[in-house]
Amino acid sequence: MAEATHTGLSDNTVAAISYITLVPAIIFLILPPYSASPYVRFHCWQSIFLNVSATLLWVVVRFALMPVVLVMPDTTAALLRLVWLAWILVFILCALRAVNGKRIRLPLIGALAEKRAGT
C-alpha cells in the first residue's frame, strides 16, 4: 500500500489527498499509475460517494428545516453547522486513516466503494 509511484507520491498519500474534494478523487481514478492500485481506487470511490451523500444530506436537511428557519433561525443555523462539522470530521478521519495505510469502511458507502474499486 505504501509503494511510491514514479511521481514520488505513495498510495497512502494519494488516497488521503482524494478526500480533499471530488476533483483529486476523480483525477486519481483516471491517471494510470494511481488507477492501478485497488487501495487508491477504494479511497477515491469512497470519497466520491461521501461527497455526493454529504451534498444530498445538506440539501435534504436544509429543505426539511425550512419551516423551522422561520420560527427559530438561530437554532436551525446551529443545527446545520453541527451537521456540516460532523461531515468534515468524517472526511478528516478517512484521510488520516488512508495516510496511515488503513481503510475505514463507512456504512453503505464503504460497500459501494469496494464494489466499484473491485476489492
N, C-alpha and C. Protein backbone atom coordinates (compact mmCIF):
# COMPACT_ATOMS: atom_id res chain seq x y z
N MET A 1 0.80 -1.19 0.00
CA MET A 1 0.00 0.00 0.00
C MET A 1 0.84 1.26 0.00
N ALA A 2 2.02 1.21 0.56
CA ALA A 2 2.84 2.41 0.68
C ALA A 2 3.88 2.50 -0.43
N GLU A 3 3.66 1.80 -1.52
CA GLU A 3 4.60 1.84 -2.62
C GLU A 3 4.58 3.21 -3.29
N ALA A 4 5.78 3.74 -3.58
CA ALA A 4 5.87 5.04 -4.23
C ALA A 4 5.70 4.87 -5.73
N THR A 5 4.99 5.77 -6.33
CA THR A 5 4.83 5.77 -7.77
C THR A 5 5.96 6.58 -8.38
N HIS A 6 5.98 6.70 -9.69
CA HIS A 6 7.06 7.44 -10.34
C HIS A 6 7.06 8.92 -9.98
N THR A 7 5.97 9.44 -9.44
CA THR A 7 5.92 10.84 -9.05
C THR A 7 6.43 11.06 -7.63
N GLY A 8 6.68 9.96 -6.91
CA GLY A 8 7.15 10.08 -5.55
C GLY A 8 6.04 10.06 -4.53
N LEU A 9 4.80 10.06 -4.94
CA LEU A 9 3.68 10.00 -4.01
C LEU A 9 3.34 8.55 -3.72
N SER A 10 3.22 8.22 -2.45
CA SER A 10 2.84 6.86 -2.08
C SER A 10 1.34 6.69 -2.27
N ASP A 11 0.92 5.45 -2.31
CA ASP A 11 -0.51 5.17 -2.42
C ASP A 11 -1.26 5.75 -1.22
N ASN A 12 -0.64 5.71 -0.05
CA ASN A 12 -1.28 6.26 1.14
C ASN A 12 -1.52 7.76 0.99
N THR A 13 -0.53 8.47 0.48
CA THR A 13 -0.66 9.92 0.29
C THR A 13 -1.74 10.23 -0.73
N VAL A 14 -1.73 9.52 -1.83
CA VAL A 14 -2.72 9.74 -2.89
C VAL A 14 -4.12 9.45 -2.36
N ALA A 15 -4.26 8.36 -1.59
CA ALA A 15 -5.57 8.01 -1.03
C ALA A 15 -6.06 9.11 -0.10
N ALA A 16 -5.18 9.66 0.72
CA ALA A 16 -5.57 10.74 1.64
C ALA A 16 -5.94 12.01 0.87
N ILE A 17 -5.18 12.34 -0.16
CA ILE A 17 -5.47 13.53 -0.97
C ILE A 17 -6.84 13.42 -1.64
N SER A 18 -7.25 12.21 -1.96
CA SER A 18 -8.54 12.03 -2.64
C SER A 18 -9.72 12.50 -1.80
N TYR A 19 -9.53 12.63 -0.50
CA TYR A 19 -10.62 13.09 0.37
C TYR A 19 -10.75 14.61 0.44
N ILE A 20 -9.85 15.34 -0.21
CA ILE A 20 -9.91 16.81 -0.14
C ILE A 20 -11.18 17.32 -0.83
N THR A 21 -11.38 16.95 -2.06
CA THR A 21 -12.60 17.30 -2.81
C THR A 21 -12.86 16.21 -3.83
N LEU A 22 -13.87 16.39 -4.62
CA LEU A 22 -14.16 15.44 -5.70
C LEU A 22 -13.09 15.44 -6.78
N VAL A 23 -12.48 16.58 -7.03
CA VAL A 23 -11.55 16.71 -8.15
C VAL A 23 -10.36 15.77 -8.04
N PRO A 24 -9.60 15.75 -6.92
CA PRO A 24 -8.48 14.80 -6.86
C PRO A 24 -8.94 13.35 -6.94
N ALA A 25 -10.07 13.04 -6.33
CA ALA A 25 -10.57 11.66 -6.37
C ALA A 25 -10.83 11.22 -7.80
N ILE A 26 -11.44 12.07 -8.59
CA ILE A 26 -11.71 11.74 -10.00
C ILE A 26 -10.41 11.66 -10.79
N ILE A 27 -9.51 12.59 -10.56
CA ILE A 27 -8.23 12.59 -11.28
C ILE A 27 -7.44 11.32 -10.99
N PHE A 28 -7.40 10.91 -9.71
CA PHE A 28 -6.63 9.72 -9.36
C PHE A 28 -7.28 8.45 -9.90
N LEU A 29 -8.58 8.47 -10.13
CA LEU A 29 -9.24 7.32 -10.75
C LEU A 29 -8.90 7.21 -12.23
N ILE A 30 -8.54 8.33 -12.84
CA ILE A 30 -8.27 8.36 -14.28
C ILE A 30 -6.79 8.13 -14.57
N LEU A 31 -5.88 8.71 -13.77
CA LEU A 31 -4.45 8.63 -14.04
C LEU A 31 -3.93 7.20 -13.84
N PRO A 32 -3.24 6.67 -14.86
CA PRO A 32 -2.79 5.27 -14.83
C PRO A 32 -1.95 4.83 -13.63
N PRO A 33 -0.97 5.55 -13.16
CA PRO A 33 -0.21 4.95 -12.06
C PRO A 33 -1.05 4.77 -10.79
N TYR A 34 -2.04 5.62 -10.60
CA TYR A 34 -2.86 5.54 -9.39
C TYR A 34 -4.07 4.65 -9.59
N SER A 35 -4.63 4.64 -10.77
CA SER A 35 -5.83 3.86 -11.03
C SER A 35 -5.58 2.37 -10.98
N ALA A 36 -4.32 1.95 -11.01
CA ALA A 36 -3.99 0.52 -10.95
C ALA A 36 -4.04 -0.01 -9.52
N SER A 37 -4.00 0.85 -8.54
CA SER A 37 -3.97 0.42 -7.14
C SER A 37 -5.40 0.26 -6.58
N PRO A 38 -5.74 -0.95 -6.14
CA PRO A 38 -7.07 -1.14 -5.53
C PRO A 38 -7.25 -0.29 -4.28
N TYR A 39 -6.17 -0.06 -3.54
CA TYR A 39 -6.23 0.76 -2.33
C TYR A 39 -6.61 2.20 -2.67
N VAL A 40 -5.98 2.76 -3.68
CA VAL A 40 -6.28 4.13 -4.11
C VAL A 40 -7.69 4.20 -4.68
N ARG A 41 -8.06 3.23 -5.51
CA ARG A 41 -9.40 3.22 -6.10
C ARG A 41 -10.48 3.18 -5.02
N PHE A 42 -10.27 2.35 -4.00
CA PHE A 42 -11.24 2.27 -2.91
C PHE A 42 -11.44 3.64 -2.26
N HIS A 43 -10.34 4.30 -1.90
CA HIS A 43 -10.47 5.59 -1.23
C HIS A 43 -11.04 6.67 -2.15
N CYS A 44 -10.69 6.61 -3.43
CA CYS A 44 -11.27 7.58 -4.38
C CYS A 44 -12.77 7.41 -4.48
N TRP A 45 -13.21 6.16 -4.62
CA TRP A 45 -14.65 5.91 -4.73
C TRP A 45 -15.37 6.25 -3.43
N GLN A 46 -14.77 5.93 -2.30
CA GLN A 46 -15.41 6.25 -1.04
C GLN A 46 -15.51 7.78 -0.88
N SER A 47 -14.49 8.49 -1.30
CA SER A 47 -14.53 9.95 -1.25
C SER A 47 -15.64 10.51 -2.14
N ILE A 48 -15.75 9.96 -3.33
CA ILE A 48 -16.80 10.43 -4.25
C ILE A 48 -18.18 10.18 -3.64
N PHE A 49 -18.41 8.96 -3.14
CA PHE A 49 -19.72 8.65 -2.54
C PHE A 49 -19.97 9.48 -1.28
N LEU A 50 -18.93 9.76 -0.53
CA LEU A 50 -19.08 10.58 0.67
C LEU A 50 -19.42 12.02 0.30
N ASN A 51 -18.78 12.56 -0.72
CA ASN A 51 -19.09 13.92 -1.18
C ASN A 51 -20.53 14.01 -1.69
N VAL A 52 -20.94 13.04 -2.48
CA VAL A 52 -22.30 13.05 -3.03
C VAL A 52 -23.32 12.93 -1.90
N SER A 53 -23.09 12.01 -0.96
CA SER A 53 -24.05 11.84 0.13
C SER A 53 -24.09 13.06 1.05
N ALA A 54 -22.94 13.68 1.27
CA ALA A 54 -22.91 14.89 2.10
C ALA A 54 -23.70 16.01 1.44
N THR A 55 -23.54 16.15 0.14
CA THR A 55 -24.28 17.19 -0.58
C THR A 55 -25.78 16.91 -0.55
N LEU A 56 -26.17 15.67 -0.80
CA LEU A 56 -27.59 15.31 -0.77
C LEU A 56 -28.18 15.51 0.62
N LEU A 57 -27.45 15.10 1.65
CA LEU A 57 -27.94 15.29 3.01
C LEU A 57 -28.09 16.77 3.34
N TRP A 58 -27.14 17.56 2.91
CA TRP A 58 -27.20 19.00 3.16
C TRP A 58 -28.45 19.61 2.53
N VAL A 59 -28.75 19.23 1.30
CA VAL A 59 -29.94 19.76 0.61
C VAL A 59 -31.21 19.29 1.31
N VAL A 60 -31.28 18.02 1.66
CA VAL A 60 -32.47 17.49 2.32
C VAL A 60 -32.69 18.15 3.67
N VAL A 61 -31.62 18.28 4.45
CA VAL A 61 -31.76 18.90 5.77
C VAL A 61 -32.18 20.36 5.64
N ARG A 62 -31.61 21.05 4.69
CA ARG A 62 -31.99 22.47 4.52
C ARG A 62 -33.46 22.62 4.15
N PHE A 63 -33.94 21.79 3.24
CA PHE A 63 -35.34 21.90 2.85
C PHE A 63 -36.27 21.37 3.94
N ALA A 64 -35.86 20.35 4.65
CA ALA A 64 -36.68 19.82 5.73
C ALA A 64 -36.80 20.83 6.87
N LEU A 65 -35.77 21.60 7.08
CA LEU A 65 -35.78 22.59 8.17
C LEU A 65 -36.29 23.96 7.74
N MET A 66 -36.70 24.08 6.50
CA MET A 66 -37.15 25.39 6.00
C MET A 66 -38.27 25.98 6.85
N PRO A 67 -39.30 25.21 7.25
CA PRO A 67 -40.33 25.82 8.11
C PRO A 67 -39.79 26.23 9.48
N VAL A 68 -38.81 25.50 9.98
CA VAL A 68 -38.25 25.81 11.30
C VAL A 68 -37.40 27.08 11.23
N VAL A 69 -36.81 27.35 10.07
CA VAL A 69 -35.98 28.54 9.91
C VAL A 69 -36.77 29.80 10.20
N LEU A 70 -38.01 29.81 9.78
CA LEU A 70 -38.83 30.99 10.00
C LEU A 70 -39.13 31.22 11.48
N VAL A 71 -39.23 30.13 12.24
CA VAL A 71 -39.57 30.25 13.66
C VAL A 71 -38.33 30.38 14.53
N MET A 72 -37.29 29.55 14.24
CA MET A 72 -36.08 29.54 15.06
C MET A 72 -34.84 29.59 14.17
N PRO A 73 -34.52 30.73 13.60
CA PRO A 73 -33.39 30.79 12.67
C PRO A 73 -32.04 30.48 13.31
N ASP A 74 -31.83 30.90 14.54
CA ASP A 74 -30.54 30.65 15.20
C ASP A 74 -30.35 29.17 15.50
N THR A 75 -31.39 28.52 15.96
CA THR A 75 -31.32 27.08 16.26
C THR A 75 -31.07 26.28 14.99
N THR A 76 -31.74 26.66 13.93
CA THR A 76 -31.57 25.96 12.66
C THR A 76 -30.16 26.14 12.14
N ALA A 77 -29.63 27.34 12.22
CA ALA A 77 -28.27 27.60 11.76
C ALA A 77 -27.27 26.79 12.57
N ALA A 78 -27.48 26.70 13.86
CA ALA A 78 -26.58 25.92 14.71
C ALA A 78 -26.65 24.43 14.35
N LEU A 79 -27.84 23.94 14.09
CA LEU A 79 -28.01 22.53 13.71
C LEU A 79 -27.32 22.24 12.38
N LEU A 80 -27.47 23.13 11.42
CA LEU A 80 -26.82 22.95 10.12
C LEU A 80 -25.30 22.97 10.27
N ARG A 81 -24.79 23.83 11.13
CA ARG A 81 -23.34 23.86 11.38
C ARG A 81 -22.86 22.55 12.01
N LEU A 82 -23.64 22.00 12.91
CA LEU A 82 -23.26 20.73 13.54
C LEU A 82 -23.24 19.58 12.52
N VAL A 83 -24.23 19.56 11.64
CA VAL A 83 -24.26 18.53 10.59
C VAL A 83 -23.04 18.67 9.69
N TRP A 84 -22.74 19.89 9.30
CA TRP A 84 -21.58 20.14 8.43
C TRP A 84 -20.28 19.76 9.14
N LEU A 85 -20.16 20.09 10.41
CA LEU A 85 -18.97 19.75 11.19
C LEU A 85 -18.80 18.23 11.29
N ALA A 86 -19.89 17.52 11.46
CA ALA A 86 -19.83 16.06 11.53
C ALA A 86 -19.28 15.48 10.22
N TRP A 87 -19.75 16.01 9.09
CA TRP A 87 -19.25 15.53 7.80
C TRP A 87 -17.77 15.85 7.62
N ILE A 88 -17.36 17.02 8.03
CA ILE A 88 -15.94 17.38 7.92
C ILE A 88 -15.08 16.45 8.76
N LEU A 89 -15.56 16.11 9.95
CA LEU A 89 -14.81 15.19 10.81
C LEU A 89 -14.71 13.80 10.18
N VAL A 90 -15.76 13.36 9.50
CA VAL A 90 -15.71 12.07 8.80
C VAL A 90 -14.67 12.11 7.69
N PHE A 91 -14.65 13.19 6.91
CA PHE A 91 -13.64 13.35 5.86
C PHE A 91 -12.23 13.32 6.44
N ILE A 92 -12.00 14.04 7.54
CA ILE A 92 -10.68 14.09 8.17
C ILE A 92 -10.28 12.71 8.69
N LEU A 93 -11.22 12.02 9.33
CA LEU A 93 -10.94 10.67 9.83
C LEU A 93 -10.56 9.73 8.69
N CYS A 94 -11.29 9.78 7.60
CA CYS A 94 -10.98 8.93 6.45
C CYS A 94 -9.61 9.26 5.87
N ALA A 95 -9.30 10.53 5.75
CA ALA A 95 -8.00 10.93 5.20
C ALA A 95 -6.86 10.50 6.12
N LEU A 96 -7.03 10.65 7.42
CA LEU A 96 -5.99 10.23 8.37
C LEU A 96 -5.77 8.72 8.32
N ARG A 97 -6.85 7.97 8.24
CA ARG A 97 -6.71 6.52 8.15
C ARG A 97 -6.04 6.12 6.84
N ALA A 98 -6.38 6.81 5.75
CA ALA A 98 -5.79 6.49 4.45
C ALA A 98 -4.30 6.78 4.44
N VAL A 99 -3.88 7.89 5.00
CA VAL A 99 -2.46 8.24 5.01
C VAL A 99 -1.66 7.28 5.89
N ASN A 100 -2.32 6.63 6.83
CA ASN A 100 -1.67 5.65 7.68
C ASN A 100 -1.78 4.22 7.14
N GLY A 101 -2.31 4.09 5.93
CA GLY A 101 -2.36 2.79 5.28
C GLY A 101 -3.51 1.91 5.70
N LYS A 102 -4.54 2.49 6.29
CA LYS A 102 -5.68 1.70 6.75
C LYS A 102 -6.95 2.14 6.03
N ARG A 103 -7.86 1.20 5.95
CA ARG A 103 -9.16 1.51 5.37
C ARG A 103 -10.17 1.67 6.49
N ILE A 104 -10.97 2.70 6.37
CA ILE A 104 -12.14 2.81 7.23
C ILE A 104 -13.32 2.63 6.29
N ARG A 105 -14.04 1.56 6.50
CA ARG A 105 -15.16 1.23 5.62
C ARG A 105 -16.42 1.84 6.21
N LEU A 106 -16.85 2.94 5.62
CA LEU A 106 -18.04 3.63 6.11
C LEU A 106 -19.28 2.80 5.81
N PRO A 107 -20.29 2.87 6.67
CA PRO A 107 -21.53 2.12 6.40
C PRO A 107 -22.14 2.52 5.06
N LEU A 108 -22.59 1.56 4.32
CA LEU A 108 -23.21 1.70 2.99
C LEU A 108 -22.23 2.22 1.94
N ILE A 109 -21.61 3.33 2.22
CA ILE A 109 -20.69 3.95 1.27
C ILE A 109 -19.46 3.07 1.05
N GLY A 110 -18.95 2.48 2.11
CA GLY A 110 -17.78 1.62 2.02
C GLY A 110 -18.02 0.40 1.15
N ALA A 111 -19.19 -0.20 1.28
CA ALA A 111 -19.53 -1.37 0.46
C ALA A 111 -19.62 -0.98 -1.02
N LEU A 112 -20.21 0.16 -1.30
CA LEU A 112 -20.28 0.63 -2.69
C LEU A 112 -18.89 0.90 -3.25
N ALA A 113 -18.04 1.51 -2.42
CA ALA A 113 -16.68 1.83 -2.85
C ALA A 113 -15.89 0.54 -3.13
N GLU A 114 -16.06 -0.47 -2.29
CA GLU A 114 -15.37 -1.74 -2.51
C GLU A 114 -15.81 -2.40 -3.81
N LYS A 115 -17.11 -2.34 -4.10
CA LYS A 115 -17.61 -2.91 -5.36
C LYS A 115 -17.01 -2.18 -6.55
N ARG A 116 -17.04 -0.85 -6.52
CA ARG A 116 -16.53 -0.06 -7.64
C ARG A 116 -15.03 -0.19 -7.80
N ALA A 117 -14.32 -0.37 -6.68
CA ALA A 117 -12.85 -0.48 -6.74
C ALA A 117 -12.41 -1.89 -7.11
N GLY A 118 -13.33 -2.84 -7.03
CA GLY A 118 -13.00 -4.20 -7.37
C GLY A 118 -12.19 -4.90 -6.29
N THR A 119 -12.40 -4.50 -5.04
CA THR A 119 -11.65 -5.14 -3.95
C THR A 119 -12.54 -6.04 -3.13
